[in-house]
């Protein structure tokens, strides 16, 4: 069984026991993540109604930093230079459980709708014409 989760604006395919680095999470301990897709053997849960009770539980292992990115710009002939750097902060999590939720629900069958009586039409106004030459 695997699931696709969304966190930090990215989607990840995860399985139980897998460790992965995601964008910094403010929580520590256990984290509950909402799945976007759950695949359980032959069954695929992908609609919001099917995923209401599904969940992915993860344990926060620790925090880390990504590789240092160095930037440099300059404009020739003007002695204009600028250096900058960045290191992205990540949280390492371990997936502890993937729960598909309740039993698979079959699509609800609707009872045939009762036929409505046709709407009553207002009687059409009869056009009255005035004889030519008469003003009324």
N, C-alpha and C. Protein backbone atom coordinates (compact mmCIF):
# COMPACT_ATOMS: atom_id res chain seq x y z
N UNK A 1 0.84 -1.16 0.00
CA UNK A 1 0.00 0.00 0.00
C UNK A 1 0.90 1.24 0.00
N UNK A 2 0.52 2.23 -0.79
CA UNK A 2 1.24 3.49 -0.79
C UNK A 2 0.24 4.63 -0.90
N UNK A 3 0.73 5.82 -0.62
CA UNK A 3 -0.12 7.01 -0.67
C UNK A 3 0.68 8.14 -1.29
N UNK A 4 -0.02 9.13 -1.78
CA UNK A 4 0.59 10.36 -2.26
C UNK A 4 0.11 11.45 -1.31
N UNK A 5 1.07 12.14 -0.68
CA UNK A 5 0.73 13.20 0.25
C UNK A 5 1.18 14.54 -0.31
N UNK A 6 0.61 15.61 0.21
CA UNK A 6 1.02 16.94 -0.22
C UNK A 6 1.41 17.74 1.01
N UNK A 7 2.63 18.27 0.99
CA UNK A 7 3.10 19.14 2.05
C UNK A 7 4.15 20.08 1.49
N UNK A 8 4.12 21.31 1.93
CA UNK A 8 5.09 22.29 1.46
C UNK A 8 4.97 22.61 -0.01
N UNK A 9 3.78 22.44 -0.58
CA UNK A 9 3.58 22.75 -1.99
C UNK A 9 4.09 21.68 -2.94
N UNK A 10 4.52 20.54 -2.40
CA UNK A 10 5.02 19.44 -3.23
C UNK A 10 4.27 18.16 -2.89
N UNK A 11 4.27 17.21 -3.81
CA UNK A 11 3.63 15.94 -3.56
C UNK A 11 4.69 14.85 -3.51
N UNK A 12 4.50 13.89 -2.59
CA UNK A 12 5.45 12.80 -2.40
C UNK A 12 4.71 11.47 -2.39
N UNK A 13 5.30 10.46 -3.02
CA UNK A 13 4.77 9.10 -2.96
C UNK A 13 5.46 8.42 -1.78
N UNK A 14 4.66 7.95 -0.80
CA UNK A 14 5.23 7.41 0.43
C UNK A 14 4.68 6.02 0.73
N UNK A 15 5.49 5.23 1.44
CA UNK A 15 5.10 3.92 1.94
C UNK A 15 5.45 3.88 3.41
N UNK A 16 4.90 2.91 4.14
CA UNK A 16 5.20 2.79 5.57
C UNK A 16 6.68 2.49 5.77
N UNK A 17 7.27 3.15 6.77
CA UNK A 17 8.67 2.94 7.08
C UNK A 17 9.62 3.83 6.30
N UNK A 18 9.14 4.56 5.34
CA UNK A 18 9.99 5.41 4.50
C UNK A 18 10.32 6.71 5.23
N UNK A 19 11.55 7.18 5.07
CA UNK A 19 11.96 8.47 5.61
C UNK A 19 12.14 9.43 4.45
N UNK A 20 11.69 10.67 4.64
CA UNK A 20 11.89 11.66 3.60
C UNK A 20 12.03 13.04 4.21
N UNK A 21 12.69 13.92 3.49
CA UNK A 21 12.89 15.31 3.92
C UNK A 21 11.84 16.16 3.23
N UNK A 22 11.05 16.88 4.03
CA UNK A 22 10.00 17.75 3.50
C UNK A 22 10.27 19.17 3.97
N UNK A 23 9.55 20.13 3.40
CA UNK A 23 9.68 21.51 3.84
C UNK A 23 9.45 21.59 5.34
N UNK A 24 10.04 22.56 5.98
CA UNK A 24 10.01 22.70 7.43
C UNK A 24 8.60 22.62 7.99
N UNK A 25 8.38 21.72 8.95
CA UNK A 25 7.11 21.59 9.65
C UNK A 25 7.24 22.17 11.04
N UNK A 26 6.28 22.94 11.51
CA UNK A 26 6.38 23.55 12.83
C UNK A 26 6.15 22.55 13.97
N UNK A 27 5.62 21.37 13.66
CA UNK A 27 5.27 20.40 14.70
C UNK A 27 6.44 19.48 15.04
N UNK A 28 6.34 18.85 16.19
CA UNK A 28 7.29 17.81 16.57
C UNK A 28 6.49 16.64 17.10
N UNK A 29 7.07 15.45 17.11
CA UNK A 29 6.34 14.26 17.55
C UNK A 29 5.62 13.63 16.38
N UNK A 30 4.32 13.41 16.54
CA UNK A 30 3.51 12.81 15.50
C UNK A 30 2.87 13.89 14.63
N UNK A 31 2.81 13.62 13.33
CA UNK A 31 2.22 14.55 12.38
C UNK A 31 1.18 13.80 11.57
N UNK A 32 0.02 14.40 11.39
CA UNK A 32 -1.04 13.82 10.57
C UNK A 32 -1.06 14.53 9.23
N UNK A 33 -0.90 13.78 8.13
CA UNK A 33 -0.88 14.37 6.79
C UNK A 33 -2.09 13.89 6.01
N UNK A 34 -2.69 14.78 5.25
CA UNK A 34 -3.85 14.42 4.43
C UNK A 34 -3.37 13.87 3.09
N UNK A 35 -3.80 12.67 2.73
CA UNK A 35 -3.37 12.11 1.45
C UNK A 35 -4.14 12.70 0.27
N UNK A 36 -3.49 12.69 -0.89
CA UNK A 36 -4.10 13.12 -2.13
C UNK A 36 -4.61 11.90 -2.88
N UNK A 37 -3.93 10.75 -2.65
CA UNK A 37 -4.25 9.51 -3.33
C UNK A 37 -3.80 8.36 -2.43
N UNK A 38 -4.60 7.30 -2.35
CA UNK A 38 -4.21 6.11 -1.60
C UNK A 38 -4.45 4.91 -2.50
N UNK A 39 -3.43 4.05 -2.65
CA UNK A 39 -3.54 2.84 -3.44
C UNK A 39 -3.36 1.66 -2.50
N UNK A 40 -4.40 0.83 -2.39
CA UNK A 40 -4.40 -0.31 -1.50
C UNK A 40 -4.68 -1.55 -2.34
N UNK A 41 -3.63 -2.13 -2.91
CA UNK A 41 -3.82 -3.29 -3.77
C UNK A 41 -4.57 -2.91 -5.04
N UNK A 42 -5.76 -3.46 -5.20
CA UNK A 42 -6.58 -3.18 -6.37
C UNK A 42 -7.41 -1.92 -6.20
N UNK A 43 -7.57 -1.47 -4.96
CA UNK A 43 -8.44 -0.34 -4.67
C UNK A 43 -7.66 0.97 -4.72
N UNK A 44 -8.19 1.95 -5.43
CA UNK A 44 -7.57 3.27 -5.53
C UNK A 44 -8.57 4.29 -5.00
N UNK A 45 -8.15 5.04 -3.98
CA UNK A 45 -8.99 6.09 -3.41
C UNK A 45 -8.44 7.43 -3.87
N UNK A 46 -9.23 8.18 -4.61
CA UNK A 46 -8.72 9.43 -5.16
C UNK A 46 -9.70 10.59 -5.07
N UNK A 47 -10.97 10.33 -4.82
CA UNK A 47 -11.93 11.42 -4.76
C UNK A 47 -12.02 11.98 -3.35
N UNK A 48 -12.40 13.23 -3.19
CA UNK A 48 -12.49 13.80 -1.85
C UNK A 48 -13.43 13.03 -0.92
N UNK A 49 -14.52 12.45 -1.45
CA UNK A 49 -15.43 11.68 -0.62
C UNK A 49 -14.75 10.42 -0.10
N UNK A 50 -13.93 9.78 -0.91
CA UNK A 50 -13.24 8.56 -0.50
C UNK A 50 -12.12 8.86 0.48
N UNK A 51 -11.51 10.03 0.36
CA UNK A 51 -10.34 10.38 1.18
C UNK A 51 -10.70 11.08 2.49
N UNK A 52 -12.00 11.27 2.77
CA UNK A 52 -12.39 11.96 3.99
C UNK A 52 -11.82 11.29 5.23
N UNK A 53 -11.88 9.96 5.30
CA UNK A 53 -11.43 9.25 6.49
C UNK A 53 -10.02 8.69 6.35
N UNK A 54 -9.39 8.84 5.19
CA UNK A 54 -8.04 8.33 4.99
C UNK A 54 -7.03 9.27 5.64
N UNK A 55 -5.93 8.71 6.13
CA UNK A 55 -4.90 9.55 6.75
C UNK A 55 -3.54 8.88 6.65
N UNK A 56 -2.51 9.71 6.74
CA UNK A 56 -1.14 9.24 6.78
C UNK A 56 -0.52 9.82 8.04
N UNK A 57 0.06 8.95 8.88
CA UNK A 57 0.67 9.38 10.12
C UNK A 57 2.18 9.27 9.98
N UNK A 58 2.88 10.31 10.44
CA UNK A 58 4.34 10.33 10.35
C UNK A 58 4.93 10.79 11.68
N UNK A 59 6.16 10.38 11.92
CA UNK A 59 6.89 10.77 13.13
C UNK A 59 8.03 11.69 12.71
N UNK A 60 8.17 12.82 13.40
CA UNK A 60 9.24 13.75 13.08
C UNK A 60 10.54 13.19 13.63
N UNK A 61 11.52 12.98 12.75
CA UNK A 61 12.82 12.43 13.14
C UNK A 61 13.77 13.56 13.52
N UNK A 62 13.79 14.62 12.75
CA UNK A 62 14.68 15.74 13.06
C UNK A 62 14.63 16.80 11.99
N UNK A 63 15.46 17.82 12.18
CA UNK A 63 15.56 18.91 11.22
C UNK A 63 16.92 18.87 10.54
N UNK A 64 16.97 19.38 9.33
CA UNK A 64 18.24 19.41 8.59
C UNK A 64 18.21 20.60 7.64
N UNK A 65 19.35 20.84 7.02
CA UNK A 65 19.47 21.90 6.03
C UNK A 65 19.87 21.29 4.71
N UNK A 66 19.41 21.92 3.65
CA UNK A 66 19.77 21.46 2.32
C UNK A 66 21.13 22.01 1.92
N UNK A 67 21.54 21.78 0.70
CA UNK A 67 22.84 22.27 0.25
C UNK A 67 22.86 23.79 0.16
N UNK A 68 24.04 24.37 0.33
CA UNK A 68 24.18 25.81 0.25
C UNK A 68 24.14 26.23 -1.21
N UNK A 69 23.33 27.22 -1.47
CA UNK A 69 23.23 27.77 -2.82
C UNK A 69 23.85 29.15 -2.78
N UNK A 70 24.82 29.39 -3.67
CA UNK A 70 25.49 30.68 -3.71
C UNK A 70 25.13 31.38 -5.00
N UNK A 71 24.82 32.65 -4.88
CA UNK A 71 24.47 33.44 -6.05
C UNK A 71 25.40 34.62 -6.18
N UNK A 72 25.57 35.07 -7.39
CA UNK A 72 26.48 36.18 -7.64
C UNK A 72 25.99 36.91 -8.89
N UNK A 73 25.88 38.22 -8.80
CA UNK A 73 25.55 39.02 -9.97
C UNK A 73 26.56 40.16 -10.08
N UNK A 74 26.78 40.61 -11.26
CA UNK A 74 27.65 41.77 -11.44
C UNK A 74 27.28 42.46 -12.74
N UNK A 75 27.62 43.72 -12.81
CA UNK A 75 27.45 44.48 -14.04
C UNK A 75 28.83 44.95 -14.44
N UNK A 76 29.18 44.65 -15.64
CA UNK A 76 30.52 45.00 -16.10
C UNK A 76 30.68 46.51 -16.22
N UNK A 77 31.89 46.95 -16.07
CA UNK A 77 32.31 48.33 -16.25
C UNK A 77 31.81 49.28 -15.16
N UNK A 78 31.03 48.79 -14.17
CA UNK A 78 30.52 49.69 -13.14
C UNK A 78 30.93 49.27 -11.74
N UNK A 79 31.69 48.17 -11.62
CA UNK A 79 32.14 47.67 -10.33
C UNK A 79 30.96 47.38 -9.40
N UNK A 80 29.84 46.90 -9.98
CA UNK A 80 28.65 46.59 -9.20
C UNK A 80 28.55 45.07 -9.06
N UNK A 81 28.73 44.59 -7.83
CA UNK A 81 28.72 43.15 -7.57
C UNK A 81 27.84 42.86 -6.36
N UNK A 82 27.22 41.68 -6.37
CA UNK A 82 26.39 41.29 -5.25
C UNK A 82 26.49 39.79 -5.04
N UNK A 83 26.74 39.36 -3.80
CA UNK A 83 26.78 37.95 -3.44
C UNK A 83 25.60 37.67 -2.52
N UNK A 84 25.04 36.49 -2.64
CA UNK A 84 24.04 36.06 -1.68
C UNK A 84 24.07 34.54 -1.58
N UNK A 85 23.49 34.02 -0.52
CA UNK A 85 23.46 32.58 -0.32
C UNK A 85 22.14 32.17 0.33
N UNK A 86 21.86 30.86 0.26
CA UNK A 86 20.62 30.35 0.83
C UNK A 86 20.80 28.88 1.18
N UNK A 87 20.24 28.48 2.32
CA UNK A 87 20.16 27.06 2.69
C UNK A 87 18.74 26.80 3.13
N UNK A 88 18.06 25.89 2.44
CA UNK A 88 16.68 25.57 2.76
C UNK A 88 16.63 24.67 3.99
N UNK A 89 15.69 24.94 4.88
CA UNK A 89 15.49 24.12 6.07
C UNK A 89 14.49 23.01 5.76
N UNK A 90 14.81 21.80 6.19
CA UNK A 90 13.96 20.64 5.97
C UNK A 90 13.66 19.95 7.29
N UNK A 91 12.53 19.24 7.32
CA UNK A 91 12.19 18.37 8.45
C UNK A 91 12.20 16.95 7.92
N UNK A 92 12.91 16.07 8.60
CA UNK A 92 12.94 14.66 8.20
C UNK A 92 11.82 13.95 8.95
N UNK A 93 10.96 13.25 8.20
CA UNK A 93 9.86 12.52 8.81
C UNK A 93 9.94 11.05 8.40
N UNK A 94 9.36 10.20 9.23
CA UNK A 94 9.26 8.77 8.93
C UNK A 94 7.79 8.40 8.92
N UNK A 95 7.34 7.78 7.85
CA UNK A 95 5.93 7.40 7.71
C UNK A 95 5.69 6.18 8.60
N UNK A 96 4.77 6.30 9.56
CA UNK A 96 4.50 5.20 10.48
C UNK A 96 3.25 4.42 10.11
N UNK A 97 2.24 5.08 9.54
CA UNK A 97 1.00 4.36 9.20
C UNK A 97 0.28 5.06 8.05
N UNK A 98 -0.32 4.23 7.21
CA UNK A 98 -1.19 4.71 6.14
C UNK A 98 -2.54 4.05 6.36
N UNK A 99 -3.55 4.84 6.61
CA UNK A 99 -4.87 4.31 6.88
C UNK A 99 -5.82 4.71 5.75
N UNK A 100 -6.38 3.71 5.01
CA UNK A 100 -7.30 4.05 3.93
C UNK A 100 -8.67 4.47 4.43
N UNK A 101 -8.92 4.35 5.71
CA UNK A 101 -10.21 4.77 6.26
C UNK A 101 -11.18 3.61 6.31
N UNK A 102 -12.47 3.93 6.27
CA UNK A 102 -13.53 2.93 6.37
C UNK A 102 -13.58 2.02 5.17
N UNK A 103 -14.56 1.15 5.18
CA UNK A 103 -14.74 0.21 4.07
C UNK A 103 -15.05 0.97 2.80
N UNK A 104 -14.74 0.34 1.69
CA UNK A 104 -14.98 0.99 0.40
C UNK A 104 -16.47 1.20 0.22
N UNK A 105 -16.84 2.40 -0.10
CA UNK A 105 -18.24 2.73 -0.28
C UNK A 105 -18.57 2.64 -1.76
N UNK A 106 -19.68 1.97 -2.06
CA UNK A 106 -20.11 1.95 -3.44
C UNK A 106 -20.87 3.24 -3.70
N UNK A 107 -20.87 3.68 -4.92
CA UNK A 107 -21.58 4.93 -5.20
C UNK A 107 -23.04 4.81 -4.80
N UNK A 108 -23.56 5.80 -4.14
CA UNK A 108 -24.94 5.78 -3.68
C UNK A 108 -25.88 5.81 -4.88
N UNK A 109 -26.81 4.88 -4.87
CA UNK A 109 -27.78 4.84 -5.96
C UNK A 109 -28.96 5.70 -5.56
N UNK A 110 -29.32 6.59 -6.43
CA UNK A 110 -30.42 7.48 -6.15
C UNK A 110 -31.73 6.82 -6.57
N UNK A 111 -32.77 7.04 -5.77
CA UNK A 111 -34.09 6.55 -6.13
C UNK A 111 -34.58 7.39 -7.31
N UNK A 112 -35.37 6.75 -8.18
CA UNK A 112 -35.86 7.54 -9.31
C UNK A 112 -36.67 8.72 -8.81
N UNK A 113 -36.42 9.84 -9.39
CA UNK A 113 -37.09 11.07 -8.97
C UNK A 113 -38.55 11.03 -9.38
N UNK A 114 -39.42 11.51 -8.50
CA UNK A 114 -40.84 11.56 -8.82
C UNK A 114 -41.04 12.58 -9.93
N UNK A 115 -41.93 12.22 -10.87
CA UNK A 115 -42.18 13.13 -11.98
C UNK A 115 -43.00 14.31 -11.48
N UNK A 116 -42.57 15.46 -11.85
CA UNK A 116 -43.30 16.66 -11.47
C UNK A 116 -44.39 16.93 -12.49
N UNK A 117 -45.50 17.48 -11.97
CA UNK A 117 -46.57 17.88 -12.88
C UNK A 117 -46.07 19.09 -13.67
N UNK A 118 -46.44 19.16 -14.91
CA UNK A 118 -45.98 20.31 -15.70
C UNK A 118 -46.51 21.60 -15.09
N UNK A 119 -45.72 22.61 -15.15
CA UNK A 119 -46.09 23.90 -14.58
C UNK A 119 -47.28 24.47 -15.35
N UNK A 120 -48.18 25.08 -14.58
CA UNK A 120 -49.35 25.67 -15.22
C UNK A 120 -48.94 26.97 -15.89
N UNK A 121 -49.40 27.10 -17.10
CA UNK A 121 -49.07 28.30 -17.84
C UNK A 121 -50.17 29.33 -17.64
N UNK A 122 -49.76 30.56 -17.53
CA UNK A 122 -50.74 31.64 -17.41
C UNK A 122 -51.44 31.79 -18.75
N UNK A 123 -52.71 32.09 -18.71
CA UNK A 123 -53.41 32.25 -19.99
C UNK A 123 -52.79 33.39 -20.79
N UNK A 124 -52.66 33.15 -22.05
CA UNK A 124 -52.05 34.15 -22.92
C UNK A 124 -52.99 35.33 -23.08
N UNK A 125 -52.45 36.53 -23.06
CA UNK A 125 -53.26 37.73 -23.25
C UNK A 125 -53.66 37.81 -24.71
N UNK A 126 -54.91 38.14 -24.88
CA UNK A 126 -55.38 38.28 -26.26
C UNK A 126 -55.08 39.70 -26.71
N UNK A 127 -54.54 39.77 -27.86
CA UNK A 127 -54.22 41.09 -28.40
C UNK A 127 -55.50 41.73 -28.90
N UNK A 128 -55.76 42.91 -28.44
CA UNK A 128 -56.93 43.64 -28.93
C UNK A 128 -56.46 44.67 -29.93
N UNK A 129 -57.08 44.66 -31.00
CA UNK A 129 -56.68 45.63 -32.02
C UNK A 129 -57.75 46.70 -32.12
N UNK A 130 -57.31 47.87 -32.33
CA UNK A 130 -58.26 48.98 -32.49
C UNK A 130 -58.47 49.20 -33.98
N UNK A 131 -59.65 49.50 -34.31
CA UNK A 131 -59.88 49.75 -35.74
C UNK A 131 -59.08 50.94 -36.20
N UNK A 132 -58.70 50.90 -37.42
CA UNK A 132 -57.88 51.96 -37.98
C UNK A 132 -58.61 53.29 -37.90
N UNK A 133 -57.97 54.29 -37.48
CA UNK A 133 -58.54 55.62 -37.44
C UNK A 133 -59.12 55.97 -36.09
N UNK A 134 -59.29 55.02 -35.20
CA UNK A 134 -59.84 55.32 -33.88
C UNK A 134 -58.73 55.42 -32.88
N UNK A 135 -58.77 56.43 -32.09
CA UNK A 135 -57.81 56.54 -31.01
C UNK A 135 -58.57 56.31 -29.71
N UNK A 136 -57.95 55.61 -28.80
CA UNK A 136 -58.72 55.30 -27.62
C UNK A 136 -58.16 55.74 -26.41
